[in-house]
Protein backbone atom coordinates (compact mmCIF):
# COMPACT_ATOMS: atom_id res chain seq x y z
CA MET A 1 -217.03 184.17 -181.17
CA SER A 2 -217.39 181.15 -178.95
CA VAL A 3 -220.44 180.92 -176.78
CA ARG A 4 -220.86 178.89 -173.63
CA ASN A 5 -224.17 177.39 -172.74
CA THR A 6 -224.13 178.68 -169.17
CA GLN A 7 -227.20 180.37 -167.76
CA ILE A 8 -226.75 184.09 -167.11
CA GLU A 9 -229.24 185.98 -164.97
CA PRO A 10 -229.32 189.75 -164.39
CA LYS A 11 -229.23 191.08 -160.83
CA ASP A 12 -232.74 192.49 -161.00
CA ILE A 13 -235.38 193.51 -163.48
CA GLY A 14 -235.05 196.40 -165.89
CA SER A 15 -236.18 199.99 -165.56
CA LEU A 16 -239.54 199.19 -167.20
CA PRO A 17 -240.81 196.48 -164.82
CA GLU A 18 -244.29 196.47 -166.37
CA ALA A 19 -242.77 195.41 -169.72
CA PHE A 20 -239.69 193.44 -168.58
CA ARG A 21 -239.54 190.07 -170.43
CA THR A 22 -243.27 190.23 -171.25
CA VAL A 23 -242.94 189.48 -174.98
CA PRO A 24 -242.67 185.70 -175.54
CA ILE A 25 -240.26 184.25 -178.10
CA PRO A 26 -241.44 181.22 -180.15
CA PHE A 27 -238.20 179.24 -179.89
CA GLU A 28 -239.65 176.21 -181.69
CA SER A 29 -240.87 178.24 -184.67
CA SER A 30 -239.04 179.24 -187.84
CA VAL A 31 -236.18 181.74 -187.87
CA PHE A 32 -238.47 184.29 -189.53
CA LYS A 33 -241.10 184.04 -186.78
CA ARG A 34 -238.41 184.38 -184.11
CA PHE A 35 -237.09 187.47 -185.87
CA LEU A 36 -240.57 188.98 -185.92
CA ALA A 37 -240.88 188.36 -182.18
CA PHE A 38 -237.62 190.22 -181.55
CA ALA A 39 -238.50 193.03 -184.01
CA GLY A 40 -239.92 196.22 -182.56
CA PRO A 41 -237.54 197.95 -180.13
CA ALA A 42 -235.40 199.41 -182.92
CA TYR A 43 -238.43 201.14 -184.46
CA LEU A 44 -239.01 202.97 -181.19
CA ILE A 45 -235.38 204.05 -181.40
CA SER A 46 -235.63 205.08 -185.05
CA VAL A 47 -238.14 207.86 -184.31
CA GLY A 48 -235.40 209.73 -182.46
CA TYR A 49 -233.53 209.96 -185.75
CA MET A 50 -236.45 211.55 -187.59
CA ASP A 51 -237.88 213.83 -184.90
CA PRO A 52 -238.66 217.54 -185.53
CA GLY A 53 -235.17 218.49 -184.35
CA ASN A 54 -233.66 216.76 -187.39
CA TRP A 55 -236.02 218.36 -189.88
CA ALA A 56 -234.66 221.91 -189.62
CA THR A 57 -231.06 220.97 -190.46
CA ASP A 58 -232.10 218.65 -193.32
CA LEU A 59 -234.42 221.27 -194.82
CA GLU A 60 -231.85 224.04 -194.61
CA GLY A 61 -229.06 221.81 -195.92
CA GLY A 62 -231.08 220.84 -198.99
CA ALA A 63 -232.32 224.37 -199.65
CA ARG A 64 -228.85 225.92 -199.47
CA PHE A 65 -226.62 223.26 -200.99
CA GLY A 66 -228.85 220.95 -202.97
CA TYR A 67 -227.88 217.28 -202.77
CA ALA A 68 -224.28 217.95 -201.68
CA LEU A 69 -224.75 217.01 -198.00
CA LEU A 70 -226.49 213.67 -198.48
CA TRP A 71 -223.23 211.91 -197.61
CA VAL A 72 -223.35 213.55 -194.16
CA ILE A 73 -226.74 211.96 -193.47
CA LEU A 74 -225.36 208.57 -194.56
CA GLY A 75 -222.25 208.89 -192.38
CA SER A 76 -224.28 210.05 -189.38
CA ASN A 77 -226.63 207.11 -189.78
CA LEU A 78 -223.76 204.61 -189.92
CA ILE A 79 -222.42 206.03 -186.65
CA ALA A 80 -225.90 205.76 -185.15
CA MET A 81 -226.13 202.12 -186.22
CA LEU A 82 -222.86 201.35 -184.45
CA LEU A 83 -223.82 203.08 -181.21
CA GLN A 84 -227.30 201.56 -181.09
CA THR A 85 -225.81 198.11 -181.73
CA LEU A 86 -223.56 198.63 -178.72
CA CYS A 87 -226.60 199.60 -176.65
CA LEU A 88 -228.49 196.42 -177.43
CA ARG A 89 -225.38 194.33 -176.75
CA LEU A 90 -225.02 195.97 -173.33
CA GLY A 91 -228.64 195.37 -172.41
CA LEU A 92 -228.76 191.77 -173.59
CA ALA A 93 -225.33 190.63 -172.34
CA THR A 94 -225.51 192.19 -168.87
CA GLY A 95 -229.25 192.39 -168.25
CA ARG A 96 -228.68 196.05 -167.32
CA ASP A 97 -229.51 199.19 -169.24
CA LEU A 98 -226.98 202.00 -169.65
CA ALA A 99 -228.34 204.00 -166.70
CA GLN A 100 -228.21 200.96 -164.39
CA ALA A 101 -224.68 200.15 -165.56
CA CYS A 102 -223.58 203.70 -164.70
CA ARG A 103 -225.16 203.31 -161.24
CA ASP A 104 -223.34 200.00 -160.74
CA GLN A 105 -219.94 201.22 -161.88
CA TYR A 106 -219.67 204.84 -160.72
CA LYS A 107 -219.77 206.42 -157.29
CA ARG A 108 -222.89 208.21 -156.13
CA PRO A 109 -221.88 211.84 -156.94
CA ALA A 110 -220.98 210.92 -160.52
CA VAL A 111 -224.24 208.98 -160.91
CA ILE A 112 -226.30 211.95 -159.70
CA ALA A 113 -224.50 214.28 -162.12
CA LEU A 114 -225.06 211.91 -165.05
CA TRP A 115 -228.72 211.57 -164.11
CA LEU A 116 -229.26 215.34 -164.02
CA LEU A 117 -227.56 215.74 -167.40
CA SER A 118 -229.80 213.00 -168.83
CA GLU A 119 -232.92 214.68 -167.48
CA ILE A 120 -231.90 218.00 -169.04
CA ALA A 121 -231.37 216.26 -172.38
CA ILE A 122 -234.79 214.58 -172.21
CA ILE A 123 -236.47 217.92 -171.46
CA ALA A 124 -234.61 219.50 -174.40
CA CYS A 125 -235.72 216.67 -176.68
CA ASP A 126 -239.29 217.03 -175.40
CA LEU A 127 -239.10 220.73 -176.22
CA ALA A 128 -238.36 219.90 -179.87
CA GLU A 129 -241.31 217.49 -179.90
CA VAL A 130 -243.61 220.15 -178.43
CA ILE A 131 -242.57 222.65 -181.09
CA GLY A 132 -242.91 220.16 -183.95
CA SER A 133 -246.35 218.95 -182.84
CA ALA A 134 -247.61 222.48 -182.22
CA VAL A 135 -246.45 223.65 -185.65
CA ALA A 136 -248.10 220.60 -187.26
CA LEU A 137 -251.41 221.30 -185.48
CA LYS A 138 -251.31 224.88 -186.72
CA LEU A 139 -250.59 223.78 -190.29
CA LEU A 140 -253.30 221.10 -190.35
CA PHE A 141 -256.08 222.69 -188.31
CA GLY A 142 -255.17 226.36 -187.95
CA ILE A 143 -254.72 226.05 -184.17
CA PRO A 144 -252.59 228.95 -182.82
CA LEU A 145 -249.15 227.88 -181.63
CA VAL A 146 -249.80 228.71 -177.99
CA TRP A 147 -252.90 226.50 -177.94
CA GLY A 148 -251.11 223.83 -179.95
CA VAL A 149 -248.40 223.72 -177.31
CA CYS A 150 -251.06 223.27 -174.62
CA CYS A 151 -252.71 220.47 -176.63
CA THR A 152 -249.46 218.52 -176.69
CA ALA A 153 -249.73 218.12 -172.91
CA LEU A 154 -252.75 215.86 -173.47
CA ASP A 155 -250.63 213.10 -174.99
CA VAL A 156 -250.23 211.85 -171.41
CA LEU A 157 -253.55 210.09 -171.91
CA LEU A 158 -252.24 208.40 -175.07
CA ILE A 159 -249.16 207.10 -173.27
CA LEU A 160 -251.23 205.72 -170.39
CA GLY A 161 -253.62 203.95 -172.73
CA LEU A 162 -250.85 202.37 -174.79
CA MET A 163 -248.83 201.12 -171.82
CA HIS A 164 -251.98 199.62 -170.29
CA HIS A 165 -252.49 197.36 -173.32
CA GLY A 166 -248.97 195.93 -173.43
CA PHE A 167 -245.62 196.78 -174.95
CA ARG A 168 -246.34 195.15 -178.32
CA LYS A 169 -249.34 197.46 -178.78
CA LEU A 170 -247.10 200.42 -178.05
CA GLU A 171 -244.60 199.21 -180.64
CA ALA A 172 -247.40 198.72 -183.18
CA VAL A 173 -248.56 202.34 -182.76
CA VAL A 174 -245.01 203.67 -183.15
CA ILE A 175 -244.40 201.51 -186.24
CA THR A 176 -247.66 202.87 -187.70
CA LEU A 177 -246.47 206.44 -187.08
CA VAL A 178 -243.08 205.67 -188.65
CA GLY A 179 -244.90 204.19 -191.64
CA THR A 180 -247.00 207.36 -191.90
CA ILE A 181 -243.88 209.53 -191.97
CA THR A 182 -242.24 207.32 -194.59
CA LEU A 183 -245.34 207.23 -196.81
CA SER A 184 -245.83 210.99 -196.55
CA PHE A 185 -242.33 211.71 -197.82
CA ALA A 186 -242.65 209.07 -200.51
CA VAL A 187 -245.67 211.00 -201.81
CA ASN A 188 -243.73 214.26 -201.72
CA LEU A 189 -240.75 212.76 -203.57
CA VAL A 190 -243.01 211.48 -206.33
CA LEU A 191 -244.51 214.96 -206.71
CA ALA A 192 -241.13 216.74 -206.52
CA HIS A 193 -239.39 214.79 -209.35
CA PRO A 194 -235.87 215.11 -207.86
CA ASP A 195 -232.65 214.70 -209.85
CA TRP A 196 -231.79 211.16 -208.74
CA ARG A 197 -228.43 211.23 -210.53
CA ALA A 198 -227.34 214.30 -208.57
CA ALA A 199 -228.69 212.69 -205.38
CA ALA A 200 -226.58 209.58 -205.99
CA VAL A 201 -223.47 211.74 -206.47
CA GLY A 202 -224.19 213.64 -203.24
CA LEU A 203 -224.57 210.35 -201.39
CA VAL A 204 -221.20 208.86 -202.34
CA HIS A 205 -219.07 211.93 -203.07
CA PRO A 206 -218.13 213.82 -199.87
CA SER A 207 -217.96 217.57 -200.43
CA LEU A 208 -218.42 220.81 -198.51
CA PRO A 209 -219.32 223.64 -200.90
CA SER A 210 -218.54 226.38 -198.36
CA ARG A 211 -217.68 227.10 -194.75
CA GLU A 212 -221.38 227.58 -194.06
CA SER A 213 -222.02 224.07 -195.38
CA LEU A 214 -219.61 222.74 -192.73
CA TYR A 215 -221.73 224.32 -190.03
CA ILE A 216 -224.92 222.76 -191.41
CA ALA A 217 -223.18 219.40 -191.86
CA LEU A 218 -222.16 219.47 -188.20
CA GLY A 219 -225.74 220.38 -187.32
CA ILE A 220 -226.99 217.29 -189.18
CA LEU A 221 -224.50 215.10 -187.33
CA GLY A 222 -225.18 216.75 -183.98
CA ALA A 223 -228.94 216.31 -184.32
CA THR A 224 -228.72 212.67 -185.40
CA VAL A 225 -227.58 210.72 -182.33
CA MET A 226 -229.86 211.48 -179.38
CA PRO A 227 -228.56 210.75 -175.83
CA HIS A 228 -231.89 209.41 -174.56
CA ASN A 229 -231.94 206.82 -177.36
CA LEU A 230 -228.86 205.16 -175.90
CA TYR A 231 -230.50 204.67 -172.50
CA LEU A 232 -233.79 203.66 -174.10
CA HIS A 233 -232.46 200.99 -176.44
CA SER A 234 -230.38 199.21 -173.79
CA SER A 235 -233.57 198.84 -171.74
CA ILE A 236 -236.34 197.97 -174.18
CA VAL A 237 -234.41 195.07 -175.76
CA GLN A 238 -235.04 193.40 -172.40
CA THR A 239 -238.80 193.30 -173.03
CA ARG A 240 -238.24 189.99 -174.84
CA ALA A 241 -238.29 186.74 -172.84
CA ASN A 242 -235.27 185.31 -174.62
CA ASN A 243 -233.20 182.42 -173.30
CA ARG A 244 -230.62 183.74 -170.82
CA SER A 245 -228.00 181.15 -171.75
CA SER A 246 -224.97 182.39 -173.67
CA SER A 247 -226.27 180.85 -176.89
CA GLY A 248 -229.68 182.46 -176.29
CA ILE A 249 -228.09 185.87 -175.72
CA ALA A 250 -226.04 185.46 -178.90
CA GLN A 251 -229.23 184.69 -180.82
CA ALA A 252 -231.00 187.73 -179.32
CA ILE A 253 -228.05 189.96 -180.27
CA ARG A 254 -228.16 188.72 -183.86
CA HIS A 255 -231.90 189.29 -184.25
CA ASN A 256 -231.87 192.71 -182.53
CA THR A 257 -228.88 193.83 -184.60
CA ALA A 258 -230.77 192.96 -187.79
CA ASP A 259 -233.83 194.79 -186.42
CA THR A 260 -231.69 197.85 -185.70
CA LEU A 261 -230.08 197.91 -189.15
CA ILE A 262 -233.50 197.73 -190.85
CA ALA A 263 -235.16 200.36 -188.63
CA LEU A 264 -232.28 202.85 -188.87
CA SER A 265 -232.12 202.30 -192.63
CA ILE A 266 -235.73 203.52 -192.74
CA ALA A 267 -234.73 206.51 -190.60
CA PHE A 268 -231.92 207.24 -193.06
CA CYS A 269 -234.39 207.12 -195.96
CA VAL A 270 -236.67 209.62 -194.19
CA ASN A 271 -233.86 212.08 -193.41
CA ALA A 272 -232.48 211.72 -196.92
CA ALA A 273 -235.99 212.28 -198.32
CA ILE A 274 -236.32 215.53 -196.35
CA LEU A 275 -233.05 216.85 -197.78
CA ILE A 276 -233.81 215.59 -201.30
CA LEU A 277 -237.27 217.18 -201.21
CA SER A 278 -235.77 220.48 -200.06
CA ALA A 279 -233.09 220.31 -202.77
CA ALA A 280 -235.55 219.41 -205.54
CA VAL A 281 -238.09 222.08 -204.64
CA PHE A 282 -236.42 224.94 -202.74
CA HIS A 283 -232.79 224.85 -203.93
CA LYS A 284 -233.94 224.54 -207.53
CA ALA A 285 -236.11 227.65 -207.06
CA GLY A 286 -233.37 229.55 -205.21
CA ILE A 287 -235.39 229.67 -201.96
CA ILE A 288 -233.64 229.40 -198.57
CA VAL A 289 -235.77 227.61 -195.99
CA THR A 290 -234.92 227.84 -192.30
CA GLU A 291 -238.25 227.10 -190.58
CA LEU A 292 -240.72 224.21 -190.60
CA GLU A 293 -243.75 226.45 -191.16
CA GLN A 294 -242.00 228.24 -194.00
CA ALA A 295 -241.36 224.91 -195.77
CA HIS A 296 -245.03 223.95 -195.56
CA THR A 297 -246.18 227.36 -196.82
CA LEU A 298 -243.87 227.17 -199.85
CA LEU A 299 -244.70 223.57 -200.71
CA HIS A 300 -248.36 224.43 -201.35
CA PRO A 301 -247.84 226.71 -204.40
CA LEU A 302 -244.84 224.74 -205.69
CA LEU A 303 -246.12 221.14 -205.42
CA GLY A 304 -249.77 221.47 -204.52
CA ARG A 305 -251.99 220.97 -201.50
CA ALA A 306 -251.36 217.21 -201.29
CA ALA A 307 -247.62 217.72 -200.79
CA ALA A 308 -248.13 220.40 -198.13
CA SER A 309 -250.67 218.25 -196.27
CA ALA A 310 -248.37 215.20 -196.42
CA PHE A 311 -245.56 217.31 -194.96
CA ALA A 312 -247.74 218.47 -192.04
CA ILE A 313 -249.06 214.97 -191.35
CA ALA A 314 -245.51 213.59 -191.28
CA LEU A 315 -244.48 216.37 -188.88
CA LEU A 316 -247.34 215.55 -186.50
CA ALA A 317 -246.54 211.82 -186.64
CA SER A 318 -242.89 212.62 -185.97
CA GLY A 319 -243.71 214.71 -182.90
CA GLN A 320 -246.13 212.17 -181.43
CA SER A 321 -243.89 209.13 -181.98
CA SER A 322 -240.97 210.98 -180.40
CA THR A 323 -243.20 211.86 -177.46
CA ILE A 324 -243.82 208.16 -176.76
CA THR A 325 -240.15 207.23 -176.75
CA GLY A 326 -239.25 210.31 -174.71
CA THR A 327 -241.67 209.20 -172.00
CA LEU A 328 -240.11 205.75 -171.83
CA ALA A 329 -236.59 207.18 -171.76
CA GLY A 330 -237.52 209.47 -168.86
CA GLN A 331 -238.81 206.56 -166.81
CA ILE A 332 -235.69 204.51 -167.61
CA VAL A 333 -233.12 207.12 -166.58
CA MET A 334 -234.96 208.03 -163.37
CA ASP A 335 -235.26 204.42 -162.25
CA GLY A 336 -231.90 203.34 -163.66
CA PHE A 337 -229.73 206.09 -162.19
CA VAL A 338 -231.37 206.82 -158.84
CA GLN A 339 -234.00 204.06 -158.46
CA ILE A 340 -236.85 206.54 -158.17
CA LYS A 341 -239.98 204.76 -159.35
CA THR A 342 -242.90 206.95 -160.31
CA ALA A 343 -246.17 206.50 -162.15
CA PRO A 344 -245.77 207.05 -165.92
CA TRP A 345 -248.52 209.69 -165.97
CA LEU A 346 -246.80 211.71 -163.24
CA ARG A 347 -243.44 211.40 -164.95
CA ARG A 348 -244.98 212.54 -168.23
CA ILE A 349 -246.72 215.55 -166.68
CA ILE A 350 -243.51 216.75 -165.01
CA THR A 351 -241.36 216.40 -168.14
CA ARG A 352 -243.95 217.89 -170.49
CA SER A 353 -244.62 220.81 -168.12
CA LEU A 354 -240.91 221.68 -168.12
CA ALA A 355 -241.04 221.76 -171.94
CA VAL A 356 -244.42 223.48 -172.36
CA VAL A 357 -243.76 226.40 -169.99
CA PRO A 358 -240.71 227.83 -171.83
CA ALA A 359 -242.41 227.27 -175.21
CA ILE A 360 -245.48 229.26 -174.14
CA GLY A 361 -243.24 231.94 -172.61
CA VAL A 362 -241.30 232.41 -175.85
CA ILE A 363 -244.51 232.60 -177.91
CA VAL A 364 -246.00 235.20 -175.58
CA MET A 365 -242.85 237.35 -175.52
CA ARG A 366 -241.55 236.97 -179.08
CA GLY A 367 -244.42 235.57 -181.13
CA ASP A 368 -244.29 232.57 -183.45
CA GLY A 369 -240.88 233.60 -184.79
CA GLY A 370 -239.13 232.72 -181.55
CA MET A 371 -239.89 229.00 -181.90
CA MET A 372 -236.96 228.38 -184.24
CA ASP A 373 -234.48 229.85 -181.77
CA LEU A 374 -235.95 227.59 -179.09
CA LEU A 375 -235.54 224.59 -181.39
CA ILE A 376 -231.90 225.51 -182.00
CA LEU A 377 -231.31 225.84 -178.27
CA SER A 378 -232.78 222.38 -177.65
CA GLN A 379 -230.32 220.86 -180.16
CA VAL A 380 -227.40 222.65 -178.49
CA VAL A 381 -228.38 221.19 -175.11
CA LEU A 382 -228.59 217.70 -176.63
CA SER A 383 -225.15 218.11 -178.21
CA MET A 384 -223.66 219.10 -174.85
CA GLN A 385 -225.00 216.00 -173.11
CA LEU A 386 -224.17 213.40 -175.76
CA PRO A 387 -220.51 212.73 -174.83
CA PHE A 388 -221.56 211.91 -171.26
CA ALA A 389 -223.64 209.01 -172.63
CA ILE A 390 -221.46 207.65 -175.42
CA PHE A 391 -218.16 207.42 -173.53
CA PRO A 392 -219.59 205.24 -170.72
CA LEU A 393 -221.31 203.11 -173.38
CA ILE A 394 -218.05 202.35 -175.20
CA SER A 395 -216.23 201.80 -171.92
CA PHE A 396 -218.80 199.31 -170.59
CA THR A 397 -219.24 197.33 -173.80
CA SER A 398 -215.45 197.01 -174.16
CA ASN A 399 -215.14 195.66 -170.59
CA ARG A 400 -214.81 191.88 -170.66
CA GLY A 401 -215.54 191.68 -166.94
CA MET A 402 -219.02 193.04 -167.64
CA MET A 403 -219.71 191.65 -171.09
CA ARG A 404 -217.89 188.28 -170.94
CA GLU A 405 -217.58 186.79 -174.43
CA PHE A 406 -219.86 189.52 -175.78
CA ALA A 407 -217.33 192.31 -175.17
CA ASN A 408 -216.50 194.45 -178.21
CA PRO A 409 -213.95 192.92 -180.58
CA LEU A 410 -210.91 195.05 -181.42
CA TRP A 411 -212.36 196.52 -184.62
CA MET A 412 -215.53 197.57 -182.80
CA LYS A 413 -213.51 199.17 -179.99
CA ILE A 414 -211.48 201.19 -182.50
CA ALA A 415 -214.56 202.21 -184.47
CA GLY A 416 -216.48 203.06 -181.30
CA TRP A 417 -213.79 205.23 -179.72
CA LEU A 418 -213.13 206.93 -183.05
CA CYS A 419 -216.83 207.75 -183.53
CA CYS A 420 -217.14 208.98 -179.94
CA THR A 421 -214.12 211.24 -180.27
CA VAL A 422 -215.27 212.66 -183.61
CA ILE A 423 -218.81 213.28 -182.32
CA ALA A 424 -217.52 214.95 -179.14
CA LEU A 425 -215.14 217.26 -181.05
CA LEU A 426 -217.67 218.14 -183.75
CA ASN A 427 -220.40 218.76 -181.21
CA LEU A 428 -218.03 221.02 -179.29
CA TYR A 429 -217.34 222.98 -182.46
CA LEU A 430 -221.04 223.14 -183.31
CA LEU A 431 -221.80 224.30 -179.78
CA SER A 432 -219.20 227.07 -179.97
CA GLN A 433 -220.44 228.31 -183.33
CA THR A 434 -224.09 228.24 -182.26
CA LEU A 435 -223.42 230.05 -179.01
CA VAL A 436 -221.24 232.67 -180.67
CA ASN A 437 -223.74 233.25 -183.49
CA HIS A 438 -226.83 233.40 -181.29
CA TYR A 439 -225.62 234.46 -177.87
CA HIS A 440 -222.38 236.37 -178.60
CA ALA A 441 -220.10 237.19 -175.64
CA ALA A 442 -222.25 235.42 -173.07
CA GLY A 443 -222.16 232.35 -175.28
CA VAL A 444 -218.36 232.35 -175.44
CA VAL A 445 -218.10 232.54 -171.64
CA SER A 446 -220.65 229.75 -171.32
CA LEU A 447 -218.69 227.63 -173.80
CA VAL A 448 -215.43 228.03 -171.85
CA ILE A 449 -217.17 227.12 -168.59
CA SER A 450 -218.89 224.13 -170.22
CA PHE A 451 -215.67 222.83 -171.76
CA ALA A 452 -213.74 223.19 -168.49
CA GLY A 453 -216.57 221.50 -166.64
CA ALA A 454 -216.60 218.63 -169.15
CA LEU A 455 -212.86 218.04 -168.66
CA ILE A 456 -213.14 218.12 -164.87
CA PHE A 457 -216.18 215.87 -164.87
CA SER A 458 -214.51 213.37 -167.24
CA CYS A 459 -211.60 213.03 -164.82
CA TRP A 460 -214.03 212.79 -161.90
CA VAL A 461 -215.98 209.97 -163.53
CA LYS A 462 -212.74 208.11 -164.29
CA TRP A 463 -211.68 208.41 -160.66
CA GLY A 464 -215.21 207.67 -159.55
CA TYR A 465 -215.21 203.96 -160.39
CA LYS A 466 -216.30 201.78 -157.51
CA ASN A 467 -213.29 199.87 -156.24
CA ARG A 468 -214.85 196.49 -155.59
CA VAL A 469 -215.26 193.05 -157.09
CA ASN A 470 -218.30 193.15 -159.36
CA GLN A 471 -220.90 190.59 -158.40
CA ILE A 472 -223.44 191.65 -161.00
CA TYR A 473 -222.11 190.76 -164.41
CA SER A 474 -219.58 187.96 -164.36
CA ASP A 475 -218.19 184.96 -162.57
CA GLY A 476 -216.32 187.02 -159.99
CA GLU A 477 -214.07 188.93 -162.38
CA ASN A 478 -212.77 192.37 -161.38
CA VAL A 479 -214.03 195.36 -163.30
């Protein structure tokens, strides 16, 4: 790829103005020090791949089918690496995040619709974080779920404090939480003594033991790539004050790509560890685990108190780290799509309230047992929204008018469109099965309406391109 040394400036600052280009890059230092300066954003992204929503499918997959579905986690993670790489390329090459790019390229009605879908997805993701954190608080301190849900609303103060001290401090806290999750599962794996030979076979030998395993495999894939992560990553890579020349952008893309591969490799290890732990402990004992609290309860007699405590600590760290990134994503999509700027504390209160209220309502009406159904529903909502984020992403990053010499090469276009199509079809199947299994006839009607709406909206977005010469991204080229 040839790179020109022309200076490229974005139209305006990103959706996080308080952090935009605030992290200096030591250009005169060694390559390693420059890499460390760029490192950080991908770790904020990685928490979305190990949030409480992923735990349920990994635990159930390991308990039911042993190590057989490890290859699904690997494949899902490779797809995630590709999509997140495209996000950072979009943000660095254009100086625009995914939400801003949608606002630039689509007409107002389409932008509003995409924004509303993004907000729904963020609320659904926040719901999973509320449930995970509340369950962890109950396991660690005996706090009832309803009070644990209320306690999660107080993390607004944590977000405010972290943002006040700079973006690097925020990244340091998230990296610490990711390290806590990783260490906790490392402890559990040591105590569990898994069959590493069987795990290696499950990793490289694709198999589906039964039709039910297909459903769980699709659940693992559907819960892996989170829509809000795509908007988030394309924005937070712009926190670095890298050189805006073409060669500087190319350097930033290289360093951020390496950062992404390392961070998502850690996320893969965590998800694989959850499934391996479940296979080594529960599948071996013939126990089917479908709930987070059930897994903790069973770990205590099987592996000891240390293993159960490590599990609960990791769950709490997972919920809190996901909360931080969810807050940032909410601010990005609101500013990026509709240019509504609001104080982070107000944004956090609104989003968390919309997640806390239904959680408390379900606990009051159905007791603690209703939390798992709520978690499943949150993953269904995320699956429905995902195609509306990934298709614009592939379209924009393949557009040479926007990306210039950084547009996707042919192999990346083919891989990107293939991954998007597979994810959309599998998520549609997962959605249909979940709705039919949990909501019966009403679910089938909802599925038909949703599918028809998706087709109509896809055509609408395609027709909704702004018909003008783009002055934002390139030297006067048409988009």
